[in-house]
């Protein structure tokens, strides 16, 4: 059950990211996001307060991914100055 909830939230997040990139934040509606994600509009609001909250979640996810990638690069580096 927990895995399904996480998957649903991630689906909304990735759909929002895709539509924001394609149409822009202001031109994308919650209705478009939920239709593309095959979920109910009410479900969107279980996971996100509004479109702005979704945007911040997308940015947070991207920054976390970037941080993990940079950390991995530093750990793989043979240069003692970088470590």
Protein backbone atom coordinates (compact mmCIF):
# COMPACT_ATOMS: atom_id res chain seq x y z
CA UNK A 1 0.00 0.00 0.00
CA UNK A 2 2.80 2.41 0.93
CA UNK A 3 4.61 1.60 -2.33
CA UNK A 4 1.45 2.37 -4.34
CA UNK A 5 1.10 5.77 -2.62
CA UNK A 6 4.73 6.61 -3.36
CA UNK A 7 4.32 5.52 -6.98
CA UNK A 8 1.20 7.66 -7.37
CA UNK A 9 2.93 10.74 -5.93
CA UNK A 10 5.94 10.18 -8.19
CA UNK A 11 3.65 9.81 -11.21
CA UNK A 12 2.03 13.18 -10.49
CA UNK A 13 5.46 14.72 -9.89
CA UNK A 14 6.95 13.43 -13.15
CA UNK A 15 3.85 14.37 -15.13
CA UNK A 16 3.97 17.89 -13.70
CA UNK A 17 7.66 18.15 -14.51
CA UNK A 18 7.02 17.08 -18.10
CA UNK A 19 4.13 19.52 -18.60
CA UNK A 20 5.93 22.42 -16.90
CA UNK A 21 8.89 21.88 -19.24
CA UNK A 22 6.66 21.68 -22.30
CA UNK A 23 4.06 24.39 -21.61
CA UNK A 24 5.42 26.43 -18.73
CA UNK A 25 4.23 26.63 -15.16
CA UNK A 26 1.55 29.26 -15.67
CA UNK A 27 0.08 27.63 -18.76
CA UNK A 28 -0.17 24.18 -17.15
CA UNK A 29 -3.27 23.44 -15.09
CA UNK A 30 -3.83 20.93 -12.31
CA UNK A 31 -6.58 19.43 -14.47
CA UNK A 32 -4.08 18.79 -17.29
CA UNK A 33 -1.62 17.22 -14.87
CA UNK A 34 -4.21 14.89 -13.37
CA UNK A 35 -5.63 13.90 -16.76
CA UNK A 36 -2.18 13.08 -18.11
CA UNK A 37 -1.31 11.22 -14.89
CA UNK A 38 -4.60 9.26 -15.02
CA UNK A 39 -5.59 10.30 -11.52
CA UNK A 40 -8.36 12.28 -9.89
CA UNK A 41 -7.97 15.97 -9.17
CA UNK A 42 -8.62 15.29 -5.47
CA UNK A 43 -5.68 12.88 -5.45
CA UNK A 44 -3.41 15.69 -6.61
CA UNK A 45 -4.38 17.71 -3.54
CA UNK A 46 -3.63 14.79 -1.22
CA UNK A 47 0.00 14.99 -2.32
CA UNK A 48 0.41 18.69 -3.12
CA UNK A 49 -1.25 21.82 -1.72
CA UNK A 50 -1.19 23.53 -5.11
CA UNK A 51 0.81 23.86 -8.32
CA UNK A 52 3.48 25.92 -6.57
CA UNK A 53 4.00 23.15 -4.02
CA UNK A 54 4.38 20.67 -6.89
CA UNK A 55 6.99 22.94 -8.49
CA UNK A 56 8.98 23.14 -5.24
CA UNK A 57 8.82 19.34 -4.92
CA UNK A 58 10.15 18.96 -8.47
CA UNK A 59 13.00 21.37 -7.70
CA UNK A 60 13.77 19.62 -4.40
CA UNK A 61 13.92 16.24 -6.12
CA UNK A 62 16.23 17.61 -8.82
CA UNK A 63 18.55 19.22 -6.28
CA UNK A 64 18.67 16.02 -4.20
CA UNK A 65 19.55 14.02 -7.31
CA UNK A 66 22.27 16.53 -8.20
CA UNK A 67 23.70 16.42 -4.67
CA UNK A 68 23.82 12.61 -4.70
CA UNK A 69 25.53 12.64 -8.09
CA UNK A 70 28.13 15.16 -6.93
CA UNK A 71 28.74 13.19 -3.74
CA UNK A 72 29.28 10.05 -5.81
CA UNK A 73 31.74 11.89 -8.08
CA UNK A 74 33.73 13.10 -5.07
CA UNK A 75 33.79 9.62 -3.56
CA UNK A 76 35.06 8.14 -6.85
CA UNK A 77 37.73 10.78 -7.30
CA UNK A 78 41.35 9.73 -6.85
CA UNK A 79 42.44 13.32 -6.20
CA UNK A 80 43.05 13.79 -2.43
CA UNK A 81 42.32 17.54 -2.72
CA UNK A 82 38.79 16.87 -3.97
CA UNK A 83 38.13 14.35 -1.22
